[in-house]
Amino acid sequence: MKISIVIPAYNEEESIEKVINDLKKYLPNQEIIIVNDGSTDKTEQILKTIDNIKIVTHIENQGYGASLKTGISQASGEYILITDADGTYPIDAIPELVKYAEKYDMVSGVRQGKNHDARWLYSQKLAKFILKKMASYVTKTKIPDINCGLRIFKKEVIKKYWNLYPQGFSFTSTSLVAFLSNNYQVKFIPIDYYKRTGKSTLRPFKSFAAFINLILKISLFFKPIKIFMPLAVLFFLLAICITIYGFIWKGIFFDTTVIIISATALQTFFFGLLAEIIVHNRK
């Protein structure tokens, strides 16, 4: 099995060398690609002292997703393994993921433990909960961890949906939903999650807004009928309720209101149907 290990790195001078050494220990003789995403600390200097790795440099910071896309594009392996440079993921768990890689199209970690639970603010936890539930609803799959950054997948499959992947942090969420929505096989493996080394570059409020945007994008892009249909039914039921209310309690028929809401229900349904046809033809 030829594996290319892709690691985005942005200001990870405190942890990057240990992560690479651990990878060489548990996955010897595999291609390691480090994407230095415009680091302003000593990350670049440290990388230049490490043998047997491939370094790709972004002059300016482009984001987590952009770094992964750059690394995957440079990879020669038929399988891609991604992890983070901050030491949060257990490198010794990787052989367990690799063991299932030939049987599944993607094998993803499921983070557990107090370090993972304590990482997010309440608003972010709420957004992640909604995102996970929405993704599970869209894909008809129970998703225990939608954006774990330790996973291995087939390169030929990830490339099929290349234009869907964002430049930012949501690469992992979008790619997972793309796999599940198109009936590729995904296996989830429980893993530990460690406290990161160094300072986090995550910006809470910006990330929360990105989560909400991702919820809408995932829902509409992969299974639009599952969003438009409930809305159409809701509008239709509202029209019925207004009609009943008018006749029973007011003795009148709110014709204009009912017609507008009913027309909205029909338009919503047909928009959803059209979007579903477009998605089906895109596949």
C-alpha atoms as a PDB file:
ATOM      1  CA  MET A   1       0.000   0.000   0.000  1.00  0.00           C
ATOM      2  CA  LYS A   2       1.490   3.338  -1.075  1.00  0.00           C
ATOM      3  CA  ILE A   3       0.446   6.076   1.363  1.00  0.00           C
ATOM      4  CA  SER A   4       1.129   9.793   1.115  1.00  0.00           C
ATOM      5  CA  ILE A   5       0.927  11.598   4.456  1.00  0.00           C
ATOM      6  CA  VAL A   6      -0.207  15.216   4.102  1.00  0.00           C
ATOM      7  CA  ILE A   7       0.214  17.660   7.002  1.00  0.00           C
ATOM      8  CA  PRO A   8      -0.770  21.338   6.892  1.00  0.00           C
ATOM      9  CA  ALA A   9       1.472  23.440   9.100  1.00  0.00           C
ATOM     10  CA  TYR A  10       0.971  27.019  10.172  1.00  0.00           C
ATOM     11  CA  ASN A  11       3.230  28.285  12.980  1.00  0.00           C
ATOM     12  CA  GLU A  12       3.848  24.856  14.507  1.00  0.00           C
ATOM     13  CA  GLU A  13       7.491  25.247  15.527  1.00  0.00           C
ATOM     14  CA  GLU A  14       6.875  23.624  18.922  1.00  0.00           C
ATOM     15  CA  SER A  15       5.435  20.334  17.648  1.00  0.00           C
ATOM     16  CA  ILE A  16       6.144  19.712  13.960  1.00  0.00           C
ATOM     17  CA  GLU A  17       9.451  17.851  14.385  1.00  0.00           C
ATOM     18  CA  LYS A  18       8.048  15.387  16.943  1.00  0.00           C
ATOM     19  CA  VAL A  19       4.973  14.710  14.798  1.00  0.00           C
ATOM     20  CA  ILE A  20       7.163  13.904  11.772  1.00  0.00           C
ATOM     21  CA  ASN A  21       9.502  11.667  13.780  1.00  0.00           C
ATOM     22  CA  ASP A  22       6.529   9.756  15.205  1.00  0.00           C
ATOM     23  CA  LEU A  23       5.105   9.310  11.714  1.00  0.00           C
ATOM     24  CA  LYS A  24       8.404   7.877  10.473  1.00  0.00           C
ATOM     25  CA  LYS A  25       8.316   5.444  13.383  1.00  0.00           C
ATOM     26  CA  TYR A  26       4.777   4.151  12.839  1.00  0.00           C
ATOM     27  CA  LEU A  27       4.624   4.522   9.044  1.00  0.00           C
ATOM     28  CA  PRO A  28       8.191   3.994   7.799  1.00  0.00           C
ATOM     29  CA  ASN A  29       9.106   4.411   4.145  1.00  0.00           C
ATOM     30  CA  GLN A  30       5.974   6.377   3.271  1.00  0.00           C
ATOM     31  CA  GLU A  31       5.827   9.753   1.550  1.00  0.00           C
ATOM     32  CA  ILE A  32       5.482  12.679   3.980  1.00  0.00           C
ATOM     33  CA  ILE A  33       4.356  16.017   2.546  1.00  0.00           C
ATOM     34  CA  ILE A  34       4.401  19.079   4.785  1.00  0.00           C
ATOM     35  CA  VAL A  35       2.548  22.122   3.482  1.00  0.00           C
ATOM     36  CA  ASN A  36       4.024  25.164   5.187  1.00  0.00           C
ATOM     37  CA  ASP A  37       1.054  27.517   4.993  1.00  0.00           C
ATOM     38  CA  GLY A  38       2.779  30.874   5.272  1.00  0.00           C
ATOM     39  CA  SER A  39       4.253  30.302   8.735  1.00  0.00           C
ATOM     40  CA  THR A  40       5.839  33.328  10.376  1.00  0.00           C
ATOM     41  CA  ASP A  41       7.674  31.479  13.171  1.00  0.00           C
ATOM     42  CA  LYS A  42      10.557  28.973  12.859  1.00  0.00           C
ATOM     43  CA  THR A  43       8.470  26.210  11.251  1.00  0.00           C
ATOM     44  CA  GLU A  44      10.166  26.581   7.871  1.00  0.00           C
ATOM     45  CA  GLN A  45      13.682  26.520   9.339  1.00  0.00           C
ATOM     46  CA  ILE A  46      12.897  23.394  11.357  1.00  0.00           C
ATOM     47  CA  LEU A  47      11.443  21.604   8.334  1.00  0.00           C
ATOM     48  CA  LYS A  48      14.614  22.243   6.324  1.00  0.00           C
ATOM     49  CA  THR A  49      16.631  20.299   8.903  1.00  0.00           C
ATOM     50  CA  ILE A  50      14.477  17.141   8.605  1.00  0.00           C
ATOM     51  CA  ASP A  51      15.426  14.487   6.076  1.00  0.00           C
ATOM     52  CA  ASN A  52      13.169  12.450   3.798  1.00  0.00           C
ATOM     53  CA  ILE A  53      10.176  14.779   3.700  1.00  0.00           C
ATOM     54  CA  LYS A  54       8.689  16.846   0.912  1.00  0.00           C
ATOM     55  CA  ILE A  55       8.080  20.515   1.754  1.00  0.00           C
ATOM     56  CA  VAL A  56       5.583  22.637  -0.153  1.00  0.00           C
ATOM     57  CA  THR A  57       5.389  26.299   0.809  1.00  0.00           C
ATOM     58  CA  HIS A  58       2.566  28.808   0.563  1.00  0.00           C
ATOM     59  CA  ILE A  59       4.069  32.283   0.603  1.00  0.00           C
ATOM     60  CA  GLU A  60       0.953  33.560   2.372  1.00  0.00           C
ATOM     61  CA  ASN A  61      -1.461  31.761   4.670  1.00  0.00           C
ATOM     62  CA  GLN A  62      -4.239  30.247   2.546  1.00  0.00           C
ATOM     63  CA  GLY A  63      -6.074  28.068   5.040  1.00  0.00           C
ATOM     64  CA  TYR A  64      -6.385  24.471   6.195  1.00  0.00           C
ATOM     65  CA  GLY A  65      -8.387  23.227   3.210  1.00  0.00           C
ATOM     66  CA  ALA A  66      -6.129  24.967   0.709  1.00  0.00           C
ATOM     67  CA  SER A  67      -3.085  23.345   2.321  1.00  0.00           C
ATOM     68  CA  LEU A  68      -4.637  19.889   2.154  1.00  0.00           C
ATOM     69  CA  LYS A  69      -5.554  20.389  -1.493  1.00  0.00           C
ATOM     70  CA  THR A  70      -2.006  21.493  -2.284  1.00  0.00           C
ATOM     71  CA  GLY A  71      -0.532  18.484  -0.497  1.00  0.00           C
ATOM     72  CA  ILE A  72      -2.928  15.989  -2.078  1.00  0.00           C
ATOM     73  CA  SER A  73      -2.175  17.420  -5.519  1.00  0.00           C
ATOM     74  CA  GLN A  74       1.544  16.776  -4.914  1.00  0.00           C
ATOM     75  CA  ALA A  75       1.002  13.273  -3.488  1.00  0.00           C
ATOM     76  CA  SER A  76       2.107  10.157  -5.363  1.00  0.00           C
ATOM     77  CA  GLY A  77       0.378   7.600  -3.128  1.00  0.00           C
ATOM     78  CA  GLU A  78      -2.910   5.872  -3.937  1.00  0.00           C
ATOM     79  CA  TYR A  79      -3.984   6.513  -0.344  1.00  0.00           C
ATOM     80  CA  ILE A  80      -3.855   9.857   1.457  1.00  0.00           C
ATOM     81  CA  LEU A  81      -3.445  10.100   5.203  1.00  0.00           C
ATOM     82  CA  ILE A  82      -4.014  13.499   6.799  1.00  0.00           C
ATOM     83  CA  THR A  83      -3.183  14.608  10.312  1.00  0.00           C
ATOM     84  CA  ASP A  84      -2.373  17.860  12.106  1.00  0.00           C
ATOM     85  CA  ALA A  85       1.013  19.297  12.986  1.00  0.00           C
ATOM     86  CA  ASP A  86       0.042  20.411  16.498  1.00  0.00           C
ATOM     87  CA  GLY A  87       0.384  17.044  18.252  1.00  0.00           C
ATOM     88  CA  THR A  88      -3.322  16.638  19.047  1.00  0.00           C
ATOM     89  CA  TYR A  89      -3.766  13.367  17.172  1.00  0.00           C
ATOM     90  CA  PRO A  90      -2.287  10.072  18.405  1.00  0.00           C
ATOM     91  CA  ILE A  91       0.212   8.934  15.787  1.00  0.00           C
ATOM     92  CA  ASP A  92       0.298   5.473  17.367  1.00  0.00           C
ATOM     93  CA  ALA A  93      -3.384   5.036  16.390  1.00  0.00           C
ATOM     94  CA  ILE A  94      -2.633   5.404  12.669  1.00  0.00           C
ATOM     95  CA  PRO A  95      -1.778   1.705  12.053  1.00  0.00           C
ATOM     96  CA  GLU A  96      -5.289   0.842  13.252  1.00  0.00           C
ATOM     97  CA  LEU A  97      -6.802   3.180  10.646  1.00  0.00           C
ATOM     98  CA  VAL A  98      -4.474   1.895   7.923  1.00  0.00           C
ATOM     99  CA  LYS A  99      -5.567  -1.671   8.683  1.00  0.00           C
ATOM    100  CA  TYR A 100      -9.045  -0.912   7.307  1.00  0.00           C
ATOM    101  CA  ALA A 101      -8.007   1.361   4.436  1.00  0.00           C
ATOM    102  CA  GLU A 102      -8.191  -1.290   1.708  1.00  0.00           C
ATOM    103  CA  LYS A 103     -11.690  -2.370   2.746  1.00  0.00           C
ATOM    104  CA  TYR A 104     -13.169   1.130   2.997  1.00  0.00           C
ATOM    105  CA  ASP A 105     -13.016   4.283   0.894  1.00  0.00           C
ATOM    106  CA  MET A 106     -12.352   6.394   3.989  1.00  0.00           C
ATOM    107  CA  VAL A 107     -11.355   5.560   7.558  1.00  0.00           C
ATOM    108  CA  SER A 108     -11.797   8.442   9.999  1.00  0.00           C
ATOM    109  CA  GLY A 109     -10.972   8.902  13.640  1.00  0.00           C
ATOM    110  CA  VAL A 110     -13.603   9.700  16.265  1.00  0.00           C
ATOM    111  CA  ARG A 111     -12.099  11.979  18.892  1.00  0.00           C
ATOM    112  CA  GLN A 112     -12.753  11.203  22.523  1.00  0.00           C
ATOM    113  CA  GLY A 113     -11.669  12.467  25.914  1.00  0.00           C
ATOM    114  CA  LYS A 114     -11.734  15.656  27.953  1.00  0.00           C
ATOM    115  CA  ASN A 115      -9.282  17.528  25.719  1.00  0.00           C
ATOM    116  CA  HIS A 116     -11.646  17.313  22.763  1.00  0.00           C
ATOM    117  CA  ASP A 117     -14.755  18.176  24.797  1.00  0.00           C
ATOM    118  CA  ALA A 118     -13.090  21.200  26.394  1.00  0.00           C
ATOM    119  CA  ARG A 119     -11.781  22.634  23.135  1.00  0.00           C
ATOM    120  CA  TRP A 120     -14.979  24.345  21.988  1.00  0.00           C
ATOM    121  CA  LEU A 121     -17.018  27.227  23.314  1.00  0.00           C
ATOM    122  CA  TYR A 122     -20.727  26.608  23.999  1.00  0.00           C
ATOM    123  CA  SER A 123     -21.755  28.397  20.798  1.00  0.00           C
ATOM    124  CA  GLN A 124     -19.354  26.275  18.771  1.00  0.00           C
ATOM    125  CA  LYS A 125     -20.528  23.071  20.443  1.00  0.00           C
ATOM    126  CA  LEU A 126     -24.102  23.973  19.513  1.00  0.00           C
ATOM    127  CA  ALA A 127     -23.117  24.696  15.906  1.00  0.00           C
ATOM    128  CA  LYS A 128     -21.158  21.436  15.693  1.00  0.00           C
ATOM    129  CA  PHE A 129     -24.085  19.496  17.148  1.00  0.00           C
ATOM    130  CA  ILE A 130     -26.470  20.976  14.570  1.00  0.00           C
ATOM    131  CA  LEU A 131     -23.957  20.357  11.780  1.00  0.00           C
ATOM    132  CA  LYS A 132     -23.495  16.726  12.789  1.00  0.00           C
ATOM    133  CA  LYS A 133     -27.243  16.118  13.032  1.00  0.00           C
ATOM    134  CA  MET A 134     -27.901  17.815   9.709  1.00  0.00           C
ATOM    135  CA  ALA A 135     -25.120  15.847   8.011  1.00  0.00           C
ATOM    136  CA  SER A 136     -26.477  12.613   9.497  1.00  0.00           C
ATOM    137  CA  TYR A 137     -29.939  13.511   8.200  1.00  0.00           C
ATOM    138  CA  VAL A 138     -28.643  14.334   4.720  1.00  0.00           C
ATOM    139  CA  THR A 139     -26.474  11.211   4.413  1.00  0.00           C
ATOM    140  CA  LYS A 140     -28.759   8.793   6.313  1.00  0.00           C
ATOM    141  CA  THR A 141     -25.712   7.838   8.374  1.00  0.00           C
ATOM    142  CA  LYS A 142     -24.993   8.279  12.066  1.00  0.00           C
ATOM    143  CA  ILE A 143     -21.877  10.441  12.100  1.00  0.00           C
ATOM    144  CA  PRO A 144     -20.001  10.366  15.436  1.00  0.00           C
ATOM    145  CA  ASP A 145     -17.359  12.960  14.456  1.00  0.00           C
ATOM    146  CA  ILE A 146     -17.806  15.035  11.315  1.00  0.00           C
ATOM    147  CA  ASN A 147     -14.543  16.955  11.165  1.00  0.00           C
ATOM    148  CA  CYS A 148     -11.832  14.805  12.669  1.00  0.00           C
ATOM    149  CA  GLY A 149      -8.521  15.693  11.030  1.00  0.00           C
ATOM    150  CA  LEU A 150      -6.979  12.226  11.330  1.00  0.00           C
ATOM    151  CA  ARG A 151      -8.188  10.021   8.494  1.00  0.00           C
ATOM    152  CA  ILE A 152      -7.074   7.999   5.493  1.00  0.00           C
ATOM    153  CA  PHE A 153      -8.893   7.857   2.166  1.00  0.00           C
ATOM    154  CA  LYS A 154      -8.464   6.850  -1.454  1.00  0.00           C
ATOM    155  CA  LYS A 155      -6.958   9.594  -3.577  1.00  0.00           C
ATOM    156  CA  GLU A 156      -9.020   8.698  -6.645  1.00  0.00           C
ATOM    157  CA  VAL A 157     -12.254   9.230  -4.687  1.00  0.00           C
ATOM    158  CA  ILE A 158     -11.288  12.488  -2.979  1.00  0.00           C
ATOM    159  CA  LYS A 159     -10.362  13.965  -6.368  1.00  0.00           C
ATOM    160  CA  LYS A 160     -13.848  13.320  -7.792  1.00  0.00           C
ATOM    161  CA  TYR A 161     -15.331  16.149  -5.725  1.00  0.00           C
ATOM    162  CA  TRP A 162     -12.335  18.475  -5.826  1.00  0.00           C
ATOM    163  CA  ASN A 163     -14.252  21.651  -6.658  1.00  0.00           C
ATOM    164  CA  LEU A 164     -16.513  21.224  -3.630  1.00  0.00           C
ATOM    165  CA  TYR A 165     -13.780  21.486  -1.020  1.00  0.00           C
ATOM    166  CA  PRO A 166     -13.343  24.874   0.652  1.00  0.00           C
ATOM    167  CA  GLN A 167     -10.113  26.668   1.392  1.00  0.00           C
ATOM    168  CA  GLY A 168     -10.847  26.790   5.117  1.00  0.00           C
ATOM    169  CA  PHE A 169     -11.242  24.402   8.025  1.00  0.00           C
ATOM    170  CA  SER A 170     -14.377  22.662   6.693  1.00  0.00           C
ATOM    171  CA  PHE A 171     -12.489  20.509   4.163  1.00  0.00           C
ATOM    172  CA  THR A 172     -12.895  17.482   6.437  1.00  0.00           C
ATOM    173  CA  SER A 173     -16.646  17.974   6.986  1.00  0.00           C
ATOM    174  CA  THR A 174     -17.386  18.566   3.316  1.00  0.00           C
ATOM    175  CA  SER A 175     -15.312  15.628   2.099  1.00  0.00           C
ATOM    176  CA  LEU A 176     -16.935  13.251   4.600  1.00  0.00           C
ATOM    177  CA  VAL A 177     -20.439  14.260   3.512  1.00  0.00           C
ATOM    178  CA  ALA A 178     -19.402  13.969  -0.142  1.00  0.00           C
ATOM    179  CA  PHE A 179     -18.246  10.394   0.434  1.00  0.00           C
ATOM    180  CA  LEU A 180     -21.339   9.355   2.387  1.00  0.00           C
ATOM    181  CA  SER A 181     -23.799  11.133   0.069  1.00  0.00           C
ATOM    182  CA  ASN A 182     -22.367   9.252  -2.903  1.00  0.00           C
ATOM    183  CA  ASN A 183     -22.516   5.850  -1.188  1.00  0.00           C
ATOM    184  CA  TYR A 184     -18.814   5.373  -0.526  1.00  0.00           C
ATOM    185  CA  GLN A 185     -17.921   3.220   2.466  1.00  0.00           C
ATOM    186  CA  VAL A 186     -16.662   5.030   5.569  1.00  0.00           C
ATOM    187  CA  LYS A 187     -15.466   3.469   8.813  1.00  0.00           C
ATOM    188  CA  PHE A 188     -15.101   5.362  12.104  1.00  0.00           C
ATOM    189  CA  ILE A 189     -12.420   4.422  14.645  1.00  0.00           C
ATOM    190  CA  PRO A 190     -12.335   5.846  18.221  1.00  0.00           C
ATOM    191  CA  ILE A 191      -9.081   7.676  18.985  1.00  0.00           C
ATOM    192  CA  ASP A 192      -7.632   9.730  21.818  1.00  0.00           C
ATOM    193  CA  TYR A 193      -7.258  13.463  21.455  1.00  0.00           C
ATOM    194  CA  TYR A 194      -4.442  15.385  23.110  1.00  0.00           C
ATOM    195  CA  LYS A 195      -4.003  18.951  24.223  1.00  0.00           C
ATOM    196  CA  ARG A 196      -2.360  20.850  21.396  1.00  0.00           C
ATOM    197  CA  THR A 197       1.228  22.039  21.571  1.00  0.00           C
ATOM    198  CA  GLY A 198       1.560  25.767  20.978  1.00  0.00           C
ATOM    199  CA  LYS A 199      -1.076  28.435  20.461  1.00  0.00           C
ATOM    200  CA  SER A 200      -4.292  27.727  18.595  1.00  0.00           C
ATOM    201  CA  THR A 201      -4.972  29.748  15.440  1.00  0.00           C
ATOM    202  CA  LEU A 202      -8.729  29.108  15.612  1.00  0.00           C
ATOM    203  CA  ARG A 203     -10.866  32.272  15.853  1.00  0.00           C
ATOM    204  CA  PRO A 204     -14.079  31.349  17.739  1.00  0.00           C
ATOM    205  CA  PHE A 205     -16.591  33.814  16.306  1.00  0.00           C
ATOM    206  CA  LYS A 206     -15.340  33.478  12.741  1.00  0.00           C
ATOM    207  CA  SER A 207     -15.441  29.687  13.117  1.00  0.00           C
ATOM    208  CA  PHE A 208     -18.994  29.765  14.454  1.00  0.00           C
ATOM    209  CA  ALA A 209     -20.176  31.756  11.433  1.00  0.00           C
ATOM    210  CA  ALA A 210     -18.323  29.320   9.165  1.00  0.00           C
ATOM    211  CA  PHE A 211     -20.085  26.403  10.860  1.00  0.00           C
ATOM    212  CA  ILE A 212     -23.507  27.927  10.170  1.00  0.00           C
ATOM    213  CA  ASN A 213     -22.551  28.576   6.553  1.00  0.00           C
ATOM    214  CA  LEU A 214     -21.324  24.989   6.254  1.00  0.00           C
ATOM    215  CA  ILE A 215     -24.616  23.615   7.590  1.00  0.00           C
ATOM    216  CA  LEU A 216     -26.517  25.410   4.829  1.00  0.00           C
ATOM    217  CA  LYS A 217     -24.029  24.466   2.112  1.00  0.00           C
ATOM    218  CA  ILE A 218     -23.904  20.783   2.991  1.00  0.00           C
ATOM    219  CA  SER A 219     -27.676  20.550   3.246  1.00  0.00           C
ATOM    220  CA  LEU A 220     -28.393  22.251  -0.068  1.00  0.00           C
ATOM    221  CA  PHE A 221     -25.503  20.928  -2.102  1.00  0.00           C
ATOM    222  CA  PHE A 222     -25.792  17.205  -1.489  1.00  0.00           C
ATOM    223  CA  LYS A 223     -29.464  16.445  -0.761  1.00  0.00           C
ATOM    224  CA  PRO A 224     -31.534  19.602  -1.475  1.00  0.00           C
ATOM    225  CA  ILE A 225     -34.872  17.741  -1.568  1.00  0.00           C
ATOM    226  CA  LYS A 226     -34.406  16.887   2.113  1.00  0.00           C
ATOM    227  CA  ILE A 227     -34.420  20.598   2.904  1.00  0.00           C
ATOM    228  CA  PHE A 228     -36.942  21.914   0.385  1.00  0.00           C
ATOM    229  CA  MET A 229     -39.513  19.158   0.951  1.00  0.00           C
ATOM    230  CA  PRO A 230     -39.999  19.762   4.703  1.00  0.00           C
ATOM    231  CA  LEU A 231     -40.211  23.509   4.016  1.00  0.00           C
ATOM    232  CA  ALA A 232     -42.843  22.948   1.329  1.00  0.00           C
ATOM    233  CA  VAL A 233     -44.872  20.739   3.684  1.00  0.00           C
ATOM    234  CA  LEU A 234     -44.548  23.357   6.428  1.00  0.00           C
ATOM    235  CA  PHE A 235     -45.891  26.113   4.156  1.00  0.00           C
ATOM    236  CA  PHE A 236     -48.741  23.861   3.001  1.00  0.00           C
ATOM    237  CA  LEU A 237     -49.722  23.001   6.588  1.00  0.00           C
ATOM    238  CA  LEU A 238     -49.595  26.693   7.468  1.00  0.00           C
ATOM    239  CA  ALA A 239     -52.023  27.455   4.615  1.00  0.00           C
ATOM    240  CA  ILE A 240     -54.393  24.763   5.918  1.00  0.00           C
ATOM    241  CA  CYS A 241     -54.200  26.079   9.479  1.00  0.00           C
ATOM    242  CA  ILE A 242     -54.966  29.639   8.335  1.00  0.00           C
ATOM    243  CA  THR A 243     -57.924  28.368   6.313  1.00  0.00           C
ATOM    244  CA  ILE A 244     -59.349  26.445   9.286  1.00  0.00           C
ATOM    245  CA  TYR A 245     -58.749  29.367  11.632  1.00  0.00           C
ATOM    246  CA  GLY A 246     -60.505  31.766   9.276  1.00  0.00           C
ATOM    247  CA  PHE A 247     -63.600  29.589   8.788  1.00  0.00           C
ATOM    248  CA  ILE A 248     -64.046  28.447  12.403  1.00  0.00           C
ATOM    249  CA  TRP A 249     -63.024  31.463  14.451  1.00  0.00           C
ATOM    250  CA  LYS A 250     -63.461  34.405  12.084  1.00  0.00           C
ATOM    251  CA  GLY A 251     -66.107  33.131   9.671  1.00  0.00           C
ATOM    252  CA  ILE A 252     -64.106  34.329   6.668  1.00  0.00           C
ATOM    253  CA  PHE A 253     -61.681  32.934   4.126  1.00  0.00           C
ATOM    254  CA  PHE A 254     -58.262  34.590   4.044  1.00  0.00           C
ATOM    255  CA  ASP A 255     -58.032  33.963   0.330  1.00  0.00           C
ATOM    256  CA  THR A 256     -55.063  36.178  -0.535  1.00  0.00           C
ATOM    257  CA  THR A 257     -52.931  34.948   2.370  1.00  0.00           C
ATOM    258  CA  VAL A 258     -53.766  31.297   1.728  1.00  0.00           C
ATOM    259  CA  ILE A 259     -53.081  31.599  -2.016  1.00  0.00           C
ATOM    260  CA  ILE A 260     -49.697  33.270  -1.448  1.00  0.00           C
ATOM    261  CA  ILE A 261     -48.593  30.673   1.135  1.00  0.00           C
ATOM    262  CA  SER A 262     -49.847  27.774  -1.015  1.00  0.00           C
ATOM    263  CA  ALA A 263     -48.001  29.173  -4.029  1.00  0.00           C
ATOM    264  CA  THR A 264     -44.861  29.463  -1.894  1.00  0.00           C
ATOM    265  CA  ALA A 265     -45.261  25.806  -0.873  1.00  0.00           C
ATOM    266  CA  LEU A 266     -45.502  24.726  -4.513  1.00  0.00           C
ATOM    267  CA  GLN A 267     -42.536  26.869  -5.571  1.00  0.00           C
ATOM    268  CA  THR A 268     -40.419  25.508  -2.713  1.00  0.00           C
ATOM    269  CA  PHE A 269     -41.284  21.949  -3.700  1.00  0.00           C
ATOM    270  CA  PHE A 270     -40.422  22.501  -7.366  1.00  0.00           C
ATOM    271  CA  PHE A 271     -37.186  24.319  -6.478  1.00  0.00           C
ATOM    272  CA  GLY A 272     -36.199  21.311  -4.383  1.00  0.00           C
ATOM    273  CA  LEU A 273     -37.132  18.914  -7.179  1.00  0.00           C
ATOM    274  CA  LEU A 274     -35.116  20.901  -9.717  1.00  0.00           C
ATOM    275  CA  ALA A 275     -32.115  21.095  -7.379  1.00  0.00           C
ATOM    276  CA  GLU A 276     -32.292  17.343  -6.780  1.00  0.00           C
ATOM    277  CA  ILE A 277     -32.285  16.690 -10.542  1.00  0.00           C
ATOM    278  CA  ILE A 278     -29.231  18.932 -10.950  1.00  0.00           C
ATOM    279  CA  VAL A 279     -27.391  17.127  -8.132  1.00  0.00           C
ATOM    280  CA  HIS A 280     -28.307  13.739  -9.617  1.00  0.00           C
ATOM    281  CA  ASN A 281     -27.031  14.723 -13.075  1.00  0.00           C
ATOM    282  CA  ARG A 282     -23.810  16.114 -11.541  1.00  0.00           C
ATOM    283  CA  LYS A 283     -23.039  12.696 -10.095  1.00  0.00           C
END
